[in-house]
Amino acid sequence: MNFSIAKQSLGIRNMLRLQAERRNAICILSAPAISDLNGVCDELIVMDNGRVAFAGDPEDLRGAARGGVLFRLLAADECDRVIGALRPPLPSSRQPVVLSSVLKRSGGQVAVRVVVDHSSALAEENRGNWVEVEPTLEEAYLWFRTFRRHPS
């Protein structure tokens, strides 16, 4: 996203929030990118096959994902090996790790963020190499859609 589009998006989000607050109104947004909801909504509803899967404060969604987002700074030459090791062995019924972002940094380093199940081997055994970080709203949504425990 270029700076101009990001600036316009921020302006629209701020305008929607301000108008809803002034009028004590409810504003319903359907967003293909959950990042568009950052700082706009006080309550978030996630639908799954026509049913409410989550309803609450966006911070509650982020709270549920805490402990499930890890960060690691890698040398460029080790990136393929480390990311390749995250893939589950075949056949696998469940993906234990979802790659959230890979960003190249100056100096040849690569910043990697992954979303993991709290009980995954990566989350439990390899913490020495990974740092637990605060989930973004997008990562919390990804964690929720991938790893949440379905109510009985």
N, C-alpha and C. Protein backbone atom coordinates (compact mmCIF):
# COMPACT_ATOMS: atom_id res chain seq x y z
N MET A 1 0.85 -1.17 0.00
CA MET A 1 0.00 0.00 0.00
C MET A 1 0.90 1.23 0.00
N ASN A 2 0.66 2.14 -0.94
CA ASN A 2 1.49 3.33 -0.95
C ASN A 2 1.00 4.34 0.08
N PHE A 3 1.84 5.34 0.36
CA PHE A 3 1.56 6.31 1.42
C PHE A 3 0.25 7.06 1.19
N SER A 4 -0.03 7.43 -0.05
CA SER A 4 -1.23 8.20 -0.37
C SER A 4 -2.50 7.40 -0.05
N ILE A 5 -2.51 6.13 -0.44
CA ILE A 5 -3.68 5.28 -0.16
C ILE A 5 -3.82 5.05 1.34
N ALA A 6 -2.70 4.82 2.02
CA ALA A 6 -2.74 4.61 3.47
C ALA A 6 -3.28 5.84 4.18
N LYS A 7 -2.88 7.02 3.72
CA LYS A 7 -3.34 8.28 4.32
C LYS A 7 -4.84 8.45 4.10
N GLN A 8 -5.33 8.12 2.90
CA GLN A 8 -6.76 8.22 2.62
C GLN A 8 -7.55 7.24 3.48
N SER A 9 -7.03 6.03 3.62
CA SER A 9 -7.69 5.01 4.43
C SER A 9 -7.79 5.45 5.88
N LEU A 10 -6.72 6.03 6.41
CA LEU A 10 -6.72 6.53 7.78
C LEU A 10 -7.75 7.65 7.93
N GLY A 11 -7.83 8.55 6.94
CA GLY A 11 -8.80 9.64 6.99
C GLY A 11 -10.23 9.12 7.00
N ILE A 12 -10.51 8.12 6.20
CA ILE A 12 -11.86 7.54 6.16
C ILE A 12 -12.19 6.87 7.49
N ARG A 13 -11.24 6.12 8.05
CA ARG A 13 -11.47 5.46 9.35
C ARG A 13 -11.74 6.49 10.43
N ASN A 14 -10.95 7.56 10.46
CA ASN A 14 -11.15 8.60 11.47
C ASN A 14 -12.50 9.28 11.31
N MET A 15 -12.90 9.55 10.07
CA MET A 15 -14.19 10.18 9.82
C MET A 15 -15.34 9.28 10.27
N LEU A 16 -15.28 8.00 9.96
CA LEU A 16 -16.33 7.06 10.38
C LEU A 16 -16.44 7.00 11.90
N ARG A 17 -15.32 6.91 12.57
CA ARG A 17 -15.32 6.84 14.03
C ARG A 17 -15.90 8.12 14.63
N LEU A 18 -15.49 9.25 14.14
CA LEU A 18 -15.97 10.53 14.65
C LEU A 18 -17.48 10.68 14.45
N GLN A 19 -17.97 10.33 13.26
CA GLN A 19 -19.40 10.44 12.98
C GLN A 19 -20.22 9.50 13.87
N ALA A 20 -19.74 8.30 14.07
CA ALA A 20 -20.45 7.34 14.92
C ALA A 20 -20.48 7.84 16.36
N GLU A 21 -19.37 8.40 16.85
CA GLU A 21 -19.33 8.92 18.21
C GLU A 21 -20.25 10.12 18.38
N ARG A 22 -20.24 11.04 17.43
CA ARG A 22 -21.08 12.24 17.51
C ARG A 22 -22.57 11.90 17.55
N ARG A 23 -22.94 10.92 16.77
CA ARG A 23 -24.35 10.57 16.65
C ARG A 23 -24.76 9.42 17.57
N ASN A 24 -23.81 8.93 18.39
CA ASN A 24 -24.07 7.77 19.23
C ASN A 24 -24.71 6.67 18.38
N ALA A 25 -24.08 6.39 17.26
CA ALA A 25 -24.63 5.49 16.26
C ALA A 25 -23.80 4.22 16.14
N ILE A 26 -24.39 3.28 15.49
CA ILE A 26 -23.70 2.04 15.15
C ILE A 26 -23.34 2.12 13.67
N CYS A 27 -22.12 1.81 13.38
CA CYS A 27 -21.66 1.80 12.00
C CYS A 27 -21.23 0.37 11.68
N ILE A 28 -21.85 -0.23 10.70
CA ILE A 28 -21.52 -1.61 10.32
C ILE A 28 -20.61 -1.57 9.12
N LEU A 29 -19.44 -2.19 9.27
CA LEU A 29 -18.45 -2.25 8.20
C LEU A 29 -18.19 -3.71 7.86
N SER A 30 -18.09 -3.97 6.61
CA SER A 30 -17.63 -5.27 6.14
C SER A 30 -16.29 -5.01 5.49
N ALA A 31 -15.25 -5.54 6.10
CA ALA A 31 -13.91 -5.21 5.62
C ALA A 31 -13.17 -6.44 5.13
N PRO A 32 -12.71 -6.40 3.88
CA PRO A 32 -11.92 -7.51 3.38
C PRO A 32 -10.54 -7.57 4.05
N ALA A 33 -10.07 -6.43 4.52
CA ALA A 33 -8.79 -6.38 5.25
C ALA A 33 -9.08 -5.90 6.67
N ILE A 34 -8.85 -6.77 7.63
CA ILE A 34 -9.18 -6.43 9.02
C ILE A 34 -8.37 -5.24 9.51
N SER A 35 -7.25 -4.95 8.86
CA SER A 35 -6.46 -3.78 9.25
C SER A 35 -7.27 -2.50 9.08
N ASP A 36 -8.27 -2.51 8.20
CA ASP A 36 -9.12 -1.34 8.01
C ASP A 36 -9.95 -1.04 9.26
N LEU A 37 -10.06 -2.01 10.17
CA LEU A 37 -10.87 -1.82 11.37
C LEU A 37 -10.06 -1.34 12.56
N ASN A 38 -8.73 -1.35 12.43
CA ASN A 38 -7.87 -0.90 13.54
C ASN A 38 -8.25 0.51 13.96
N GLY A 39 -8.54 0.68 15.23
CA GLY A 39 -8.84 1.99 15.77
C GLY A 39 -10.20 2.55 15.41
N VAL A 40 -11.00 1.81 14.65
CA VAL A 40 -12.31 2.31 14.24
C VAL A 40 -13.41 1.74 15.12
N CYS A 41 -13.34 0.47 15.42
CA CYS A 41 -14.46 -0.17 16.09
C CYS A 41 -14.20 -0.44 17.56
N ASP A 42 -15.27 -0.33 18.34
CA ASP A 42 -15.24 -0.68 19.75
C ASP A 42 -15.67 -2.12 19.95
N GLU A 43 -16.39 -2.64 18.98
CA GLU A 43 -16.85 -4.02 19.04
C GLU A 43 -16.67 -4.65 17.67
N LEU A 44 -16.29 -5.91 17.69
CA LEU A 44 -15.99 -6.63 16.47
C LEU A 44 -16.80 -7.92 16.46
N ILE A 45 -17.39 -8.23 15.32
CA ILE A 45 -18.11 -9.49 15.17
C ILE A 45 -17.47 -10.25 14.02
N VAL A 46 -17.09 -11.50 14.29
CA VAL A 46 -16.52 -12.38 13.27
C VAL A 46 -17.57 -13.43 12.95
N MET A 47 -17.92 -13.51 11.68
CA MET A 47 -18.91 -14.48 11.23
C MET A 47 -18.22 -15.71 10.65
N ASP A 48 -18.84 -16.88 10.84
CA ASP A 48 -18.32 -18.13 10.30
C ASP A 48 -19.51 -18.94 9.80
N ASN A 49 -19.62 -19.08 8.50
CA ASN A 49 -20.74 -19.80 7.89
C ASN A 49 -22.10 -19.28 8.38
N GLY A 50 -22.23 -17.95 8.42
CA GLY A 50 -23.50 -17.34 8.79
C GLY A 50 -23.77 -17.29 10.28
N ARG A 51 -22.84 -17.73 11.10
CA ARG A 51 -23.02 -17.71 12.55
C ARG A 51 -21.97 -16.81 13.19
N VAL A 52 -22.33 -16.23 14.31
CA VAL A 52 -21.39 -15.39 15.04
C VAL A 52 -20.36 -16.31 15.72
N ALA A 53 -19.11 -16.15 15.34
CA ALA A 53 -18.03 -16.96 15.92
C ALA A 53 -17.33 -16.20 17.04
N PHE A 54 -17.34 -14.88 16.94
CA PHE A 54 -16.75 -14.03 17.98
C PHE A 54 -17.51 -12.72 17.99
N ALA A 55 -17.79 -12.23 19.18
CA ALA A 55 -18.37 -10.90 19.33
C ALA A 55 -17.74 -10.28 20.57
N GLY A 56 -17.13 -9.13 20.40
CA GLY A 56 -16.51 -8.48 21.55
C GLY A 56 -15.56 -7.39 21.15
N ASP A 57 -14.86 -6.92 22.13
CA ASP A 57 -13.86 -5.88 21.95
C ASP A 57 -12.70 -6.44 21.13
N PRO A 58 -12.20 -5.68 20.17
CA PRO A 58 -11.04 -6.15 19.40
C PRO A 58 -9.86 -6.55 20.29
N GLU A 59 -9.71 -5.88 21.43
CA GLU A 59 -8.63 -6.23 22.36
C GLU A 59 -8.83 -7.62 22.95
N ASP A 60 -10.10 -8.06 23.10
CA ASP A 60 -10.35 -9.41 23.59
C ASP A 60 -9.89 -10.45 22.56
N LEU A 61 -10.08 -10.14 21.29
CA LEU A 61 -9.61 -11.04 20.24
C LEU A 61 -8.08 -11.10 20.27
N ARG A 62 -7.45 -9.95 20.40
CA ARG A 62 -5.98 -9.91 20.50
C ARG A 62 -5.51 -10.66 21.75
N GLY A 63 -6.25 -10.51 22.84
CA GLY A 63 -5.89 -11.19 24.08
C GLY A 63 -5.92 -12.71 23.94
N ALA A 64 -6.90 -13.21 23.20
CA ALA A 64 -7.01 -14.66 23.00
C ALA A 64 -5.81 -15.20 22.22
N ALA A 65 -5.24 -14.38 21.37
CA ALA A 65 -4.12 -14.81 20.53
C ALA A 65 -2.76 -14.58 21.19
N ARG A 66 -2.74 -13.92 22.35
CA ARG A 66 -1.46 -13.68 23.02
C ARG A 66 -0.77 -15.01 23.31
N GLY A 67 0.50 -15.04 23.04
CA GLY A 67 1.26 -16.28 23.19
C GLY A 67 1.29 -17.08 21.90
N GLY A 68 0.52 -16.64 20.92
CA GLY A 68 0.43 -17.36 19.66
C GLY A 68 1.06 -16.64 18.49
N VAL A 69 1.79 -15.55 18.75
CA VAL A 69 2.48 -14.84 17.67
C VAL A 69 3.95 -14.71 18.08
N LEU A 70 4.81 -15.22 17.21
CA LEU A 70 6.24 -15.25 17.50
C LEU A 70 7.01 -14.50 16.41
N PHE A 71 8.15 -13.96 16.81
CA PHE A 71 9.00 -13.15 15.93
C PHE A 71 10.42 -13.70 15.97
N ARG A 72 11.07 -13.63 14.83
CA ARG A 72 12.49 -14.02 14.77
C ARG A 72 13.17 -13.21 13.69
N LEU A 73 14.34 -12.72 13.99
CA LEU A 73 15.16 -11.99 13.03
C LEU A 73 16.20 -12.98 12.51
N LEU A 74 16.20 -13.18 11.19
CA LEU A 74 17.06 -14.18 10.57
C LEU A 74 18.06 -13.54 9.62
N ALA A 75 19.18 -14.20 9.46
CA ALA A 75 20.10 -13.83 8.39
C ALA A 75 19.47 -14.30 7.09
N ALA A 76 19.66 -13.57 6.03
CA ALA A 76 19.03 -13.92 4.75
C ALA A 76 19.33 -15.34 4.32
N ASP A 77 20.55 -15.82 4.59
CA ASP A 77 20.92 -17.17 4.14
C ASP A 77 20.27 -18.29 4.95
N GLU A 78 19.71 -17.99 6.10
CA GLU A 78 19.03 -19.03 6.88
C GLU A 78 17.50 -18.98 6.76
N CYS A 79 17.01 -17.99 6.05
CA CYS A 79 15.57 -17.77 5.95
C CYS A 79 14.84 -18.96 5.34
N ASP A 80 15.28 -19.43 4.19
CA ASP A 80 14.61 -20.56 3.53
C ASP A 80 14.61 -21.80 4.40
N ARG A 81 15.71 -22.08 5.07
CA ARG A 81 15.81 -23.27 5.92
C ARG A 81 14.83 -23.19 7.09
N VAL A 82 14.80 -22.05 7.77
CA VAL A 82 13.94 -21.89 8.95
C VAL A 82 12.46 -21.91 8.54
N ILE A 83 12.11 -21.17 7.49
CA ILE A 83 10.72 -21.16 7.05
C ILE A 83 10.30 -22.53 6.55
N GLY A 84 11.19 -23.22 5.84
CA GLY A 84 10.90 -24.58 5.38
C GLY A 84 10.65 -25.53 6.52
N ALA A 85 11.37 -25.36 7.62
CA ALA A 85 11.21 -26.23 8.80
C ALA A 85 9.87 -26.00 9.49
N LEU A 86 9.21 -24.89 9.21
CA LEU A 86 7.91 -24.61 9.83
C LEU A 86 6.79 -25.41 9.19
N ARG A 87 7.01 -25.88 7.97
CA ARG A 87 5.95 -26.60 7.26
C ARG A 87 5.71 -27.95 7.93
N PRO A 88 4.45 -28.35 8.05
CA PRO A 88 4.14 -29.63 8.70
C PRO A 88 4.55 -30.80 7.82
N PRO A 89 4.93 -31.92 8.43
CA PRO A 89 5.22 -33.11 7.62
C PRO A 89 3.95 -33.61 6.97
N LEU A 90 4.09 -34.14 5.77
CA LEU A 90 2.92 -34.66 5.05
C LEU A 90 2.72 -36.13 5.40
N PRO A 91 1.54 -36.68 5.50
CA PRO A 91 0.30 -35.91 5.50
C PRO A 91 0.05 -35.32 6.88
N SER A 92 -0.48 -34.14 6.92
CA SER A 92 -0.77 -33.48 8.19
C SER A 92 -2.22 -33.04 8.18
N SER A 93 -2.90 -33.32 9.25
CA SER A 93 -4.30 -32.92 9.34
C SER A 93 -4.43 -31.48 9.80
N ARG A 94 -3.34 -30.92 10.34
CA ARG A 94 -3.43 -29.59 10.89
C ARG A 94 -2.17 -28.79 10.66
N GLN A 95 -2.32 -27.57 10.31
CA GLN A 95 -1.18 -26.68 10.10
C GLN A 95 -0.78 -26.12 11.47
N PRO A 96 0.42 -26.43 11.97
CA PRO A 96 0.82 -25.95 13.29
C PRO A 96 1.29 -24.50 13.30
N VAL A 97 1.65 -23.97 12.13
CA VAL A 97 2.20 -22.62 12.04
C VAL A 97 1.67 -21.94 10.79
N VAL A 98 1.31 -20.68 10.92
CA VAL A 98 0.90 -19.88 9.78
C VAL A 98 1.85 -18.70 9.68
N LEU A 99 2.46 -18.53 8.54
CA LEU A 99 3.38 -17.43 8.32
C LEU A 99 2.58 -16.14 8.24
N SER A 100 2.89 -15.20 9.11
CA SER A 100 2.17 -13.93 9.13
C SER A 100 2.85 -12.90 8.23
N SER A 101 4.15 -12.73 8.40
CA SER A 101 4.86 -11.77 7.55
C SER A 101 6.35 -12.09 7.48
N VAL A 102 6.93 -11.74 6.35
CA VAL A 102 8.37 -11.86 6.13
C VAL A 102 8.79 -10.53 5.53
N LEU A 103 9.61 -9.79 6.25
CA LEU A 103 10.03 -8.47 5.78
C LEU A 103 11.54 -8.39 5.73
N LYS A 104 12.06 -7.97 4.58
CA LYS A 104 13.50 -7.77 4.45
C LYS A 104 13.89 -6.48 5.14
N ARG A 105 14.97 -6.54 5.88
CA ARG A 105 15.48 -5.35 6.54
C ARG A 105 16.84 -5.01 5.95
N SER A 106 17.28 -3.82 6.22
CA SER A 106 18.62 -3.44 5.75
C SER A 106 19.65 -4.32 6.45
N GLY A 107 20.76 -4.52 5.80
CA GLY A 107 21.81 -5.35 6.38
C GLY A 107 21.62 -6.83 6.09
N GLY A 108 20.67 -7.16 5.21
CA GLY A 108 20.50 -8.55 4.82
C GLY A 108 19.72 -9.41 5.80
N GLN A 109 19.11 -8.80 6.80
CA GLN A 109 18.32 -9.58 7.75
C GLN A 109 16.87 -9.65 7.31
N VAL A 110 16.18 -10.68 7.78
CA VAL A 110 14.78 -10.88 7.45
C VAL A 110 14.00 -11.03 8.75
N ALA A 111 12.96 -10.22 8.91
CA ALA A 111 12.09 -10.29 10.08
C ALA A 111 10.91 -11.21 9.75
N VAL A 112 10.72 -12.24 10.57
CA VAL A 112 9.66 -13.22 10.33
C VAL A 112 8.72 -13.22 11.52
N ARG A 113 7.43 -13.15 11.24
CA ARG A 113 6.39 -13.29 12.27
C ARG A 113 5.53 -14.48 11.89
N VAL A 114 5.26 -15.34 12.87
CA VAL A 114 4.42 -16.50 12.64
C VAL A 114 3.31 -16.55 13.67
N VAL A 115 2.20 -17.14 13.28
CA VAL A 115 1.06 -17.37 14.16
C VAL A 115 1.03 -18.86 14.43
N VAL A 116 1.02 -19.22 15.72
CA VAL A 116 1.08 -20.64 16.10
C VAL A 116 -0.04 -20.99 17.06
N ASP A 117 -0.37 -22.26 17.08
CA ASP A 117 -1.28 -22.77 18.09
C ASP A 117 -0.52 -22.71 19.42
N HIS A 118 -1.19 -22.30 20.49
CA HIS A 118 -0.52 -22.18 21.78
C HIS A 118 0.15 -23.49 22.22
N SER A 119 -0.39 -24.60 21.78
CA SER A 119 0.14 -25.89 22.21
C SER A 119 1.10 -26.51 21.19
N SER A 120 1.47 -25.76 20.15
CA SER A 120 2.35 -26.33 19.12
C SER A 120 3.76 -26.52 19.64
N ALA A 121 4.49 -27.39 18.99
CA ALA A 121 5.89 -27.64 19.37
C ALA A 121 6.70 -26.36 19.28
N LEU A 122 6.42 -25.54 18.28
CA LEU A 122 7.17 -24.29 18.14
C LEU A 122 6.90 -23.38 19.33
N ALA A 123 5.64 -23.33 19.74
CA ALA A 123 5.29 -22.47 20.86
C ALA A 123 5.91 -22.97 22.16
N GLU A 124 6.05 -24.29 22.32
CA GLU A 124 6.52 -24.85 23.59
C GLU A 124 8.02 -25.09 23.63
N GLU A 125 8.59 -25.68 22.58
CA GLU A 125 9.96 -26.18 22.65
C GLU A 125 11.01 -25.22 22.13
N ASN A 126 10.70 -24.44 21.14
CA ASN A 126 11.72 -23.63 20.46
C ASN A 126 11.67 -22.16 20.84
N ARG A 127 11.19 -21.85 22.01
CA ARG A 127 11.06 -20.46 22.41
C ARG A 127 12.39 -19.73 22.43
N GLY A 128 13.48 -20.45 22.63
CA GLY A 128 14.78 -19.80 22.68
C GLY A 128 15.13 -19.06 21.41
N ASN A 129 14.64 -19.54 20.29
CA ASN A 129 14.94 -18.92 19.00
C ASN A 129 13.90 -17.89 18.57
N TRP A 130 12.75 -17.94 19.16
CA TRP A 130 11.63 -17.07 18.79
C TRP A 130 11.25 -16.20 19.97
N VAL A 131 10.77 -15.00 19.69
CA VAL A 131 10.33 -14.08 20.73
C VAL A 131 8.82 -13.91 20.62
N GLU A 132 8.13 -14.07 21.73
CA GLU A 132 6.69 -13.85 21.74
C GLU A 132 6.44 -12.35 21.59
N VAL A 133 5.55 -11.98 20.68
CA VAL A 133 5.24 -10.57 20.45
C VAL A 133 3.73 -10.35 20.55
N GLU A 134 3.38 -9.11 20.72
CA GLU A 134 1.97 -8.71 20.80
C GLU A 134 1.32 -8.90 19.43
N PRO A 135 0.21 -9.61 19.36
CA PRO A 135 -0.43 -9.81 18.05
C PRO A 135 -1.08 -8.54 17.53
N THR A 136 -0.98 -8.35 16.22
CA THR A 136 -1.76 -7.29 15.58
C THR A 136 -3.20 -7.80 15.51
N LEU A 137 -4.13 -6.94 15.16
CA LEU A 137 -5.50 -7.38 15.01
C LEU A 137 -5.62 -8.41 13.89
N GLU A 138 -4.86 -8.22 12.81
CA GLU A 138 -4.87 -9.19 11.71
C GLU A 138 -4.36 -10.56 12.17
N GLU A 139 -3.29 -10.57 12.95
CA GLU A 139 -2.74 -11.83 13.45
C GLU A 139 -3.70 -12.50 14.43
N ALA A 140 -4.38 -11.70 15.24
CA ALA A 140 -5.35 -12.26 16.17
C ALA A 140 -6.50 -12.92 15.40
N TYR A 141 -6.95 -12.25 14.36
CA TYR A 141 -8.00 -12.82 13.51
C TYR A 141 -7.51 -14.11 12.86
N LEU A 142 -6.30 -14.10 12.34
CA LEU A 142 -5.73 -15.29 11.71
C LEU A 142 -5.61 -16.43 12.73
N TRP A 143 -5.15 -16.11 13.94
CA TRP A 143 -5.05 -17.12 15.00
C TRP A 143 -6.44 -17.68 15.31
N PHE A 144 -7.41 -16.80 15.47
CA PHE A 144 -8.77 -17.21 15.81
C PHE A 144 -9.35 -18.13 14.74
N ARG A 145 -9.21 -17.74 13.48
CA ARG A 145 -9.78 -18.53 12.38
C ARG A 145 -9.07 -19.87 12.20
N THR A 146 -7.80 -19.94 12.58
CA THR A 146 -7.01 -21.15 12.35
C THR A 146 -6.97 -22.08 13.56
N PHE A 147 -6.84 -21.52 14.76
CA PHE A 147 -6.54 -22.35 15.93
C PHE A 147 -7.57 -22.33 17.05
N ARG A 148 -8.57 -21.50 16.98
CA ARG A 148 -9.49 -21.41 18.13
C ARG A 148 -10.15 -22.75 18.40
N ARG A 149 -10.46 -22.92 19.64
CA ARG A 149 -11.16 -24.13 20.05
C ARG A 149 -12.65 -23.90 19.85
N HIS A 150 -13.29 -24.76 19.08
CA HIS A 150 -14.71 -24.61 18.83
C HIS A 150 -15.49 -24.94 20.10
N PRO A 151 -16.48 -24.13 20.46
CA PRO A 151 -17.27 -24.43 21.66
C PRO A 151 -18.04 -25.73 21.46
N SER A 152 -18.21 -26.46 22.55
CA SER A 152 -18.91 -27.73 22.45
C SER A 152 -20.41 -27.57 22.51
